[in-house]
PDB file of N, CA and C in Angstrom:
ATOM      1  N   UNK A   1       5.399  -6.392  10.042  1.00  0.00           N
ATOM      2  CA  UNK A   1       4.973  -6.071   9.260  1.00  0.00           C
ATOM      3  C   UNK A   1       3.869  -7.091   8.868  1.00  0.00           C
ATOM      4  N   UNK A   2       3.956  -8.275   9.893  1.00  0.00           N
ATOM      5  CA  UNK A   2       3.112  -8.854  10.218  1.00  0.00           C
ATOM      6  C   UNK A   2       1.512  -8.888  10.571  1.00  0.00           C
ATOM      7  N   UNK A   3       1.696  -7.456  10.918  1.00  0.00           N
ATOM      8  CA  UNK A   3       0.266  -7.662  10.835  1.00  0.00           C
ATOM      9  C   UNK A   3      -1.029  -6.896   9.311  1.00  0.00           C
ATOM     10  N   UNK A   4       0.097  -6.370   8.464  1.00  0.00           N
ATOM     11  CA  UNK A   4      -0.567  -6.413   6.770  1.00  0.00           C
ATOM     12  C   UNK A   4      -0.613  -7.573   6.251  1.00  0.00           C
ATOM     13  N   UNK A   5       0.222  -8.557   6.886  1.00  0.00           N
ATOM     14  CA  UNK A   5       0.026  -9.781   6.347  1.00  0.00           C
ATOM     15  C   UNK A   5      -0.841 -10.972   6.573  1.00  0.00           C
ATOM     16  N   UNK A   6      -1.122 -10.122   7.912  1.00  0.00           N
ATOM     17  CA  UNK A   6      -3.530 -10.776   8.688  1.00  0.00           C
ATOM     18  C   UNK A   6      -3.593  -9.820   8.132  1.00  0.00           C
ATOM     19  N   UNK A   7      -4.092  -9.641   7.814  1.00  0.00           N
ATOM     20  CA  UNK A   7      -5.238  -8.840   6.922  1.00  0.00           C
ATOM     21  C   UNK A   7      -5.694 -10.100   5.888  1.00  0.00           C
ATOM     22  N   UNK A   8      -7.219 -10.344   6.100  1.00  0.00           N
ATOM     23  CA  UNK A   8      -7.665 -11.637   5.389  1.00  0.00           C
ATOM     24  C   UNK A   8      -8.196 -10.968   3.714  1.00  0.00           C
ATOM     25  N   UNK A   9      -6.820 -11.990   2.807  1.00  0.00           N
ATOM     26  CA  UNK A   9      -7.205 -11.604   1.280  1.00  0.00           C
ATOM     27  C   UNK A   9      -5.940 -10.769   0.970  1.00  0.00           C
ATOM     28  N   UNK A  10      -4.781 -10.884   1.776  1.00  0.00           N
ATOM     29  CA  UNK A  10      -3.475 -10.234   1.091  1.00  0.00           C
ATOM     30  C   UNK A  10      -2.371 -11.623   0.504  1.00  0.00           C
ATOM     31  N   UNK A  11      -2.739 -12.672   1.005  1.00  0.00           N
ATOM     32  CA  UNK A  11      -1.574 -13.522   0.226  1.00  0.00           C
ATOM     33  C   UNK A  11      -2.247 -13.486  -0.814  1.00  0.00           C
ATOM     34  N   UNK A  12      -2.864 -13.413  -1.115  1.00  0.00           N
ATOM     35  CA  UNK A  12      -3.654 -13.904  -2.930  1.00  0.00           C
ATOM     36  C   UNK A  12      -3.200 -12.929  -3.954  1.00  0.00           C
ATOM     37  N   UNK A  13      -2.778 -11.456  -3.085  1.00  0.00           N
ATOM     38  CA  UNK A  13      -3.049 -10.883  -4.392  1.00  0.00           C
ATOM     39  C   UNK A  13      -1.104 -10.722  -5.138  1.00  0.00           C
ATOM     40  N   UNK A  14      -1.479 -11.183  -6.576  1.00  0.00           N
ATOM     41  CA  UNK A  14      -0.435 -11.080  -6.950  1.00  0.00           C
ATOM     42  C   UNK A  14       0.455 -10.221  -8.009  1.00  0.00           C
ATOM     43  N   UNK A  15      -0.165  -9.127  -8.160  1.00  0.00           N
ATOM     44  CA  UNK A  15       0.502  -7.919  -9.065  1.00  0.00           C
ATOM     45  C   UNK A  15       0.419  -6.366  -8.496  1.00  0.00           C
ATOM     46  N   UNK A  16       0.825  -5.651  -8.743  1.00  0.00           N
ATOM     47  CA  UNK A  16       0.339  -4.123  -8.307  1.00  0.00           C
ATOM     48  C   UNK A  16      -1.397  -4.048  -8.815  1.00  0.00           C
ATOM     49  N   UNK A  17      -1.814  -4.086  -9.585  1.00  0.00           N
ATOM     50  CA  UNK A  17      -3.117  -3.887 -10.025  1.00  0.00           C
ATOM     51  C   UNK A  17      -3.899  -4.584  -9.097  1.00  0.00           C
ATOM     52  N   UNK A  18      -3.500  -5.763  -8.863  1.00  0.00           N
ATOM     53  CA  UNK A  18      -4.049  -6.557  -7.361  1.00  0.00           C
ATOM     54  C   UNK A  18      -4.263  -5.480  -6.351  1.00  0.00           C
ATOM     55  N   UNK A  19      -3.271  -5.122  -6.050  1.00  0.00           N
ATOM     56  CA  UNK A  19      -3.391  -4.588  -4.668  1.00  0.00           C
ATOM     57  C   UNK A  19      -3.968  -3.285  -4.459  1.00  0.00           C
ATOM     58  N   UNK A  20      -4.064  -2.415  -5.323  1.00  0.00           N
ATOM     59  CA  UNK A  20      -5.006  -1.326  -5.619  1.00  0.00           C
ATOM     60  C   UNK A  20      -6.635  -1.533  -5.649  1.00  0.00           C
ATOM     61  N   UNK A  21      -6.808  -2.905  -6.474  1.00  0.00           N
ATOM     62  CA  UNK A  21      -8.678  -3.601  -6.129  1.00  0.00           C
ATOM     63  C   UNK A  21      -8.702  -3.937  -5.172  1.00  0.00           C
ATOM     64  N   UNK A  22      -8.150  -4.779  -3.784  1.00  0.00           N
ATOM     65  CA  UNK A  22      -7.687  -5.352  -3.040  1.00  0.00           C
ATOM     66  C   UNK A  22      -7.909  -3.339  -1.955  1.00  0.00           C
ATOM     67  N   UNK A  23      -7.531  -2.456  -2.137  1.00  0.00           N
ATOM     68  CA  UNK A  23      -7.529  -1.967  -1.451  1.00  0.00           C
ATOM     69  C   UNK A  23      -8.601  -0.408  -1.911  1.00  0.00           C
ATOM     70  N   UNK A  24      -9.256  -0.653  -3.221  1.00  0.00           N
ATOM     71  CA  UNK A  24      -9.588   0.188  -3.618  1.00  0.00           C
ATOM     72  C   UNK A  24      -9.015   1.732  -3.968  1.00  0.00           C
ATOM     73  N   UNK A  25      -8.143   1.779  -4.408  1.00  0.00           N
ATOM     74  CA  UNK A  25      -7.200   2.890  -4.688  1.00  0.00           C
ATOM     75  C   UNK A  25      -7.416   3.025  -5.963  1.00  0.00           C
ATOM     76  N   UNK A  26      -7.724   4.354  -6.410  1.00  0.00           N
ATOM     77  CA  UNK A  26      -7.966   4.644  -8.362  1.00  0.00           C
ATOM     78  C   UNK A  26      -6.467   4.442  -8.691  1.00  0.00           C
ATOM     79  N   UNK A  27      -6.178   4.438 -10.080  1.00  0.00           N
ATOM     80  CA  UNK A  27      -5.082   4.189 -10.296  1.00  0.00           C
ATOM     81  C   UNK A  27      -5.345   4.787 -11.983  1.00  0.00           C
ATOM     82  N   UNK A  28      -4.080   4.659 -12.987  1.00  0.00           N
ATOM     83  CA  UNK A  28      -4.393   4.984 -14.164  1.00  0.00           C
ATOM     84  C   UNK A  28      -3.592   3.724 -14.604  1.00  0.00           C
ATOM     85  N   UNK A  29      -4.203   2.958 -15.471  1.00  0.00           N
ATOM     86  CA  UNK A  29      -4.078   1.391 -15.595  1.00  0.00           C
ATOM     87  C   UNK A  29      -2.225   1.812 -16.377  1.00  0.00           C
ATOM     88  N   UNK A  30      -2.076   3.045 -17.598  1.00  0.00           N
ATOM     89  CA  UNK A  30      -0.561   2.850 -17.976  1.00  0.00           C
ATOM     90  C   UNK A  30       0.354   3.053 -17.309  1.00  0.00           C
ATOM     91  N   UNK A  31      -0.207   4.251 -16.221  1.00  0.00           N
ATOM     92  CA  UNK A  31       0.781   4.668 -15.147  1.00  0.00           C
ATOM     93  C   UNK A  31       1.520   3.525 -14.299  1.00  0.00           C
ATOM     94  N   UNK A  32       0.243   3.297 -13.843  1.00  0.00           N
ATOM     95  CA  UNK A  32       0.975   1.961 -13.368  1.00  0.00           C
ATOM     96  C   UNK A  32       1.555   0.984 -13.606  1.00  0.00           C
ATOM     97  N   UNK A  33       0.818   0.333 -14.881  1.00  0.00           N
ATOM     98  CA  UNK A  33       2.643  -0.590 -15.385  1.00  0.00           C
ATOM     99  C   UNK A  33       3.849   0.147 -16.299  1.00  0.00           C
ATOM    100  N   UNK A  34       3.696   1.175 -15.828  1.00  0.00           N
ATOM    101  CA  UNK A  34       5.043   1.935 -15.740  1.00  0.00           C
ATOM    102  C   UNK A  34       6.135   2.153 -15.040  1.00  0.00           C
ATOM    103  N   UNK A  35       5.315   2.128 -13.525  1.00  0.00           N
ATOM    104  CA  UNK A  35       6.024   2.155 -12.516  1.00  0.00           C
ATOM    105  C   UNK A  35       5.627   1.459 -11.215  1.00  0.00           C
ATOM    106  N   UNK A  36       5.105   0.544 -11.580  1.00  0.00           N
ATOM    107  CA  UNK A  36       4.808  -0.918 -10.418  1.00  0.00           C
ATOM    108  C   UNK A  36       5.517  -1.012  -9.867  1.00  0.00           C
ATOM    109  N   UNK A  37       7.168  -1.343  -9.664  1.00  0.00           N
ATOM    110  CA  UNK A  37       7.550  -1.903  -9.010  1.00  0.00           C
ATOM    111  C   UNK A  37       8.240  -1.201  -8.076  1.00  0.00           C
ATOM    112  N   UNK A  38       8.729   0.585  -8.556  1.00  0.00           N
ATOM    113  CA  UNK A  38       8.957   1.562  -8.194  1.00  0.00           C
ATOM    114  C   UNK A  38       7.619   1.746  -7.119  1.00  0.00           C
ATOM    115  N   UNK A  39       6.418   1.586  -7.068  1.00  0.00           N
ATOM    116  CA  UNK A  39       5.517   2.275  -6.333  1.00  0.00           C
ATOM    117  C   UNK A  39       5.677   0.433  -4.968  1.00  0.00           C
ATOM    118  N   UNK A  40       5.575  -0.772  -5.854  1.00  0.00           N
ATOM    119  CA  UNK A  40       5.785  -1.455  -4.677  1.00  0.00           C
ATOM    120  C   UNK A  40       6.457  -1.666  -4.087  1.00  0.00           C
ATOM    121  N   UNK A  41       7.134  -1.245  -4.562  1.00  0.00           N
ATOM    122  CA  UNK A  41       9.410  -0.823  -3.274  1.00  0.00           C
ATOM    123  C   UNK A  41       8.727  -0.246  -2.567  1.00  0.00           C
ATOM    124  N   UNK A  42       7.791   1.191  -2.390  1.00  0.00           N
ATOM    125  CA  UNK A  42       8.079   2.174  -1.648  1.00  0.00           C
ATOM    126  C   UNK A  42       7.104   2.204  -0.615  1.00  0.00           C
ATOM    127  N   UNK A  43       5.759   0.935  -1.253  1.00  0.00           N
ATOM    128  CA  UNK A  43       4.562   0.339  -0.431  1.00  0.00           C
ATOM    129  C   UNK A  43       5.426  -0.024   0.419  1.00  0.00           C
ATOM    130  N   UNK A  44       5.996  -1.141   0.348  1.00  0.00           N
ATOM    131  CA  UNK A  44       7.210  -2.170   1.123  1.00  0.00           C
ATOM    132  C   UNK A  44       7.618  -1.120   2.245  1.00  0.00           C
ATOM    133  N   UNK A  45       8.066   0.016   1.731  1.00  0.00           N
ATOM    134  CA  UNK A  45       9.432   0.844   2.575  1.00  0.00           C
ATOM    135  C   UNK A  45       8.080   1.475   3.533  1.00  0.00           C
ATOM    136  N   UNK A  46       7.318   2.436   3.307  1.00  0.00           N
ATOM    137  CA  UNK A  46       6.494   2.707   4.017  1.00  0.00           C
ATOM    138  C   UNK A  46       5.575   1.500   5.272  1.00  0.00           C
ATOM    139  N   UNK A  47       5.362   0.502   4.497  1.00  0.00           N
ATOM    140  CA  UNK A  47       4.569  -0.699   5.670  1.00  0.00           C
ATOM    141  C   UNK A  47       5.634  -0.623   6.592  1.00  0.00           C
ATOM    142  N   UNK A  48       6.682  -1.463   6.510  1.00  0.00           N
ATOM    143  CA  UNK A  48       7.828  -0.886   7.568  1.00  0.00           C
ATOM    144  C   UNK A  48       8.454   0.106   8.143  1.00  0.00           C
ATOM    145  N   UNK A  49       7.925   1.355   7.772  1.00  0.00           N
ATOM    146  CA  UNK A  49       8.340   2.457   8.815  1.00  0.00           C
ATOM    147  C   UNK A  49       6.913   2.607   9.725  1.00  0.00           C
ATOM    148  N   UNK A  50       6.174   2.030   8.519  1.00  0.00           N
ATOM    149  CA  UNK A  50       4.378   2.425  10.269  1.00  0.00           C
ATOM    150  C   UNK A  50       3.989   1.397  11.261  1.00  0.00           C
ATOM    151  N   UNK A  51       5.241   0.471  11.498  1.00  0.00           N
ATOM    152  CA  UNK A  51       5.075   0.305  12.817  1.00  0.00           C
ATOM    153  C   UNK A  51       4.849   0.509  13.876  1.00  0.00           C
ATOM    154  N   UNK A  52       5.992   2.099  14.030  1.00  0.00           N
ATOM    155  CA  UNK A  52       5.284   2.723  15.632  1.00  0.00           C
ATOM    156  C   UNK A  52       3.769   3.458  15.858  1.00  0.00           C
ATOM    157  N   UNK A  53       3.625   3.670  14.103  1.00  0.00           N
ATOM    158  CA  UNK A  53       2.657   4.506  13.843  1.00  0.00           C
ATOM    159  C   UNK A  53       1.299   3.501  13.873  1.00  0.00           C
ATOM    160  N   UNK A  54       1.611   2.154  13.729  1.00  0.00           N
ATOM    161  CA  UNK A  54       0.143   1.035  13.954  1.00  0.00           C
ATOM    162  C   UNK A  54      -0.158   0.993  15.642  1.00  0.00           C
ATOM    163  N   UNK A  55       1.274   0.897  16.485  1.00  0.00           N
ATOM    164  CA  UNK A  55       1.062   0.430  17.760  1.00  0.00           C
ATOM    165  C   UNK A  55       0.446   1.197  18.449  1.00  0.00           C
ATOM    166  N   UNK A  56       1.055   2.942  17.567  1.00  0.00           N
ATOM    167  CA  UNK A  56      -0.382   3.662  18.661  1.00  0.00           C
ATOM    168  C   UNK A  56      -1.281   4.444  17.871  1.00  0.00           C
ATOM    169  N   UNK A  57      -1.872   3.405  17.141  1.00  0.00           N
ATOM    170  CA  UNK A  57      -3.310   3.251  16.379  1.00  0.00           C
ATOM    171  C   UNK A  57      -4.452   2.894  17.426  1.00  0.00           C
ATOM    172  N   UNK A  58      -5.746   3.575  17.624  1.00  0.00           N
ATOM    173  CA  UNK A  58      -6.338   2.288  18.815  1.00  0.00           C
ATOM    174  C   UNK A  58      -7.094   1.422  17.188  1.00  0.00           C
ATOM    175  N   UNK A  59      -7.101   0.602  17.178  1.00  0.00           N
ATOM    176  CA  UNK A  59      -7.565  -0.455  16.705  1.00  0.00           C
ATOM    177  C   UNK A  59      -9.088  -0.386  16.375  1.00  0.00           C
ATOM    178  N   UNK A  60      -9.571   0.100  15.334  1.00  0.00           N
ATOM    179  CA  UNK A  60     -10.540   0.052  14.559  1.00  0.00           C
ATOM    180  C   UNK A  60     -10.917  -1.535  13.823  1.00  0.00           C
ATOM    181  N   UNK A  61     -11.974  -2.028  13.899  1.00  0.00           N
ATOM    182  CA  UNK A  61     -11.740  -2.956  13.084  1.00  0.00           C
ATOM    183  C   UNK A  61     -11.361  -3.387  11.766  1.00  0.00           C
ATOM    184  N   UNK A  62     -11.727  -2.406  10.919  1.00  0.00           N
ATOM    185  CA  UNK A  62     -10.364  -2.152   9.865  1.00  0.00           C
ATOM    186  C   UNK A  62      -9.045  -1.018   9.754  1.00  0.00           C
ATOM    187  N   UNK A  63      -8.482  -0.852  11.543  1.00  0.00           N
ATOM    188  CA  UNK A  63      -7.104   0.022  10.922  1.00  0.00           C
ATOM    189  C   UNK A  63      -6.497  -0.326  10.216  1.00  0.00           C
ATOM    190  N   UNK A  64      -5.956  -1.644  10.383  1.00  0.00           N
ATOM    191  CA  UNK A  64      -4.821  -2.372   9.409  1.00  0.00           C
ATOM    192  C   UNK A  64      -5.227  -2.128   7.886  1.00  0.00           C
ATOM    193  N   UNK A  65      -5.875  -2.375   7.235  1.00  0.00           N
ATOM    194  CA  UNK A  65      -6.844  -2.158   6.222  1.00  0.00           C
ATOM    195  C   UNK A  65      -6.591  -0.449   5.710  1.00  0.00           C
ATOM    196  N   UNK A  66      -7.561   0.460   6.800  1.00  0.00           N
ATOM    197  CA  UNK A  66      -7.079   1.632   6.216  1.00  0.00           C
ATOM    198  C   UNK A  66      -5.843   2.112   6.562  1.00  0.00           C
ATOM    199  N   UNK A  67      -5.142   1.926   6.912  1.00  0.00           N
ATOM    200  CA  UNK A  67      -3.339   2.079   7.491  1.00  0.00           C
ATOM    201  C   UNK A  67      -2.921   2.368   5.648  1.00  0.00           C
ATOM    202  N   UNK A  68      -3.303   0.903   5.361  1.00  0.00           N
ATOM    203  CA  UNK A  68      -2.130  -0.019   4.497  1.00  0.00           C
ATOM    204  C   UNK A  68      -3.107   0.299   2.825  1.00  0.00           C
ATOM    205  N   UNK A  69      -4.242   0.522   3.024  1.00  0.00           N
ATOM    206  CA  UNK A  69      -4.791   1.579   2.057  1.00  0.00           C
ATOM    207  C   UNK A  69      -4.633   3.283   1.632  1.00  0.00           C
ATOM    208  N   UNK A  70      -4.302   3.579   2.624  1.00  0.00           N
ATOM    209  CA  UNK A  70      -3.461   5.050   2.898  1.00  0.00           C
ATOM    210  C   UNK A  70      -2.016   5.096   2.075  1.00  0.00           C
ATOM    211  N   UNK A  71      -1.242   4.401   3.017  1.00  0.00           N
ATOM    212  CA  UNK A  71       0.582   3.720   2.317  1.00  0.00           C
ATOM    213  C   UNK A  71       0.223   3.075   1.123  1.00  0.00           C
ATOM    214  N   UNK A  72      -0.266   2.632   0.579  1.00  0.00           N
ATOM    215  CA  UNK A  72      -0.568   2.217  -1.141  1.00  0.00           C
ATOM    216  C   UNK A  72      -0.629   3.609  -1.732  1.00  0.00           C
ATOM    217  N   UNK A  73      -2.075   4.603  -0.878  1.00  0.00           N
ATOM    218  CA  UNK A  73      -1.905   5.632  -2.281  1.00  0.00           C
ATOM    219  C   UNK A  73      -1.203   6.543  -2.195  1.00  0.00           C
ATOM    220  N   UNK A  74      -0.406   6.716  -1.086  1.00  0.00           N
ATOM    221  CA  UNK A  74       0.804   7.455  -0.385  1.00  0.00           C
ATOM    222  C   UNK A  74       1.908   7.907  -1.250  1.00  0.00           C
ATOM    223  N   UNK A  75       1.889   5.525  -1.672  1.00  0.00           N
ATOM    224  CA  UNK A  75       3.058   5.841  -2.350  1.00  0.00           C
ATOM    225  C   UNK A  75       3.013   5.821  -4.101  1.00  0.00           C
ATOM    226  N   UNK A  76       1.999   5.663  -4.521  1.00  0.00           N
ATOM    227  CA  UNK A  76       1.397   6.299  -5.912  1.00  0.00           C
ATOM    228  C   UNK A  76       1.334   7.728  -6.156  1.00  0.00           C
ATOM    229  N   UNK A  77       1.174   8.436  -5.077  1.00  0.00           N
ATOM    230  CA  UNK A  77       0.734   9.919  -5.249  1.00  0.00           C
ATOM    231  C   UNK A  77       2.067   9.918  -5.615  1.00  0.00           C
ATOM    232  N   UNK A  78       3.425   9.301  -4.145  1.00  0.00           N
ATOM    233  CA  UNK A  78       4.435   9.887  -4.545  1.00  0.00           C
ATOM    234  C   UNK A  78       5.535   9.989  -5.781  1.00  0.00           C
ATOM    235  N   UNK A  79       5.183   8.740  -6.644  1.00  0.00           N
ATOM    236  CA  UNK A  79       5.809   8.306  -7.829  1.00  0.00           C
ATOM    237  C   UNK A  79       4.894   9.594  -8.909  1.00  0.00           C
ATOM    238  N   UNK A  80       4.137   9.775  -8.616  1.00  0.00           N
ATOM    239  CA  UNK A  80       3.467  10.578  -9.928  1.00  0.00           C
ATOM    240  C   UNK A  80       3.808  12.226 -10.029  1.00  0.00           C
ATOM    241  N   UNK A  81       3.535  12.684  -8.112  1.00  0.00           N
ATOM    242  CA  UNK A  81       4.632  13.747  -8.452  1.00  0.00           C
ATOM    243  C   UNK A  81       5.916  13.617  -8.829  1.00  0.00           C
ATOM    244  N   UNK A  82       6.898  12.500  -9.214  1.00  0.00           N
ATOM    245  CA  UNK A  82       7.898  12.601  -9.313  1.00  0.00           C
ATOM    246  C   UNK A  82       8.684  12.774  -8.624  1.00  0.00           C
ATOM    247  N   UNK A  83       8.027  12.279  -7.326  1.00  0.00           N
ATOM    248  CA  UNK A  83       8.797  11.869  -5.738  1.00  0.00           C
ATOM    249  C   UNK A  83      10.117  10.624  -6.102  1.00  0.00           C
ATOM    250  N   UNK A  84       9.808  10.332  -6.511  1.00  0.00           N
ATOM    251  CA  UNK A  84      10.609   8.659  -7.046  1.00  0.00           C
ATOM    252  C   UNK A  84      10.912   8.417  -8.424  1.00  0.00           C
ATOM    253  N   UNK A  85      12.520   8.193  -8.167  1.00  0.00           N
ATOM    254  CA  UNK A  85      12.954   8.158 -10.219  1.00  0.00           C
ATOM    255  C   UNK A  85      12.383   6.458 -10.247  1.00  0.00           C
TER     256      UNK A  85
END
């Protein structure tokens, strides 16, 4: 996950809302407040699992940001669809 922490600005993120704003992922405020720990935990799990995927990418200048954005959106959607408890 070292690649994730090297994204400029990530180290300043201090809340679920900050992550969603940083990665431009749309969210419902009340919904996120109710499940932010679950979503961020799932996001962390997906980031760790993405290492092989990331290593196979042709790295465009914003590839890491795009990958993290996609994983955050997927984490939120999985909670919204009821896949997470």
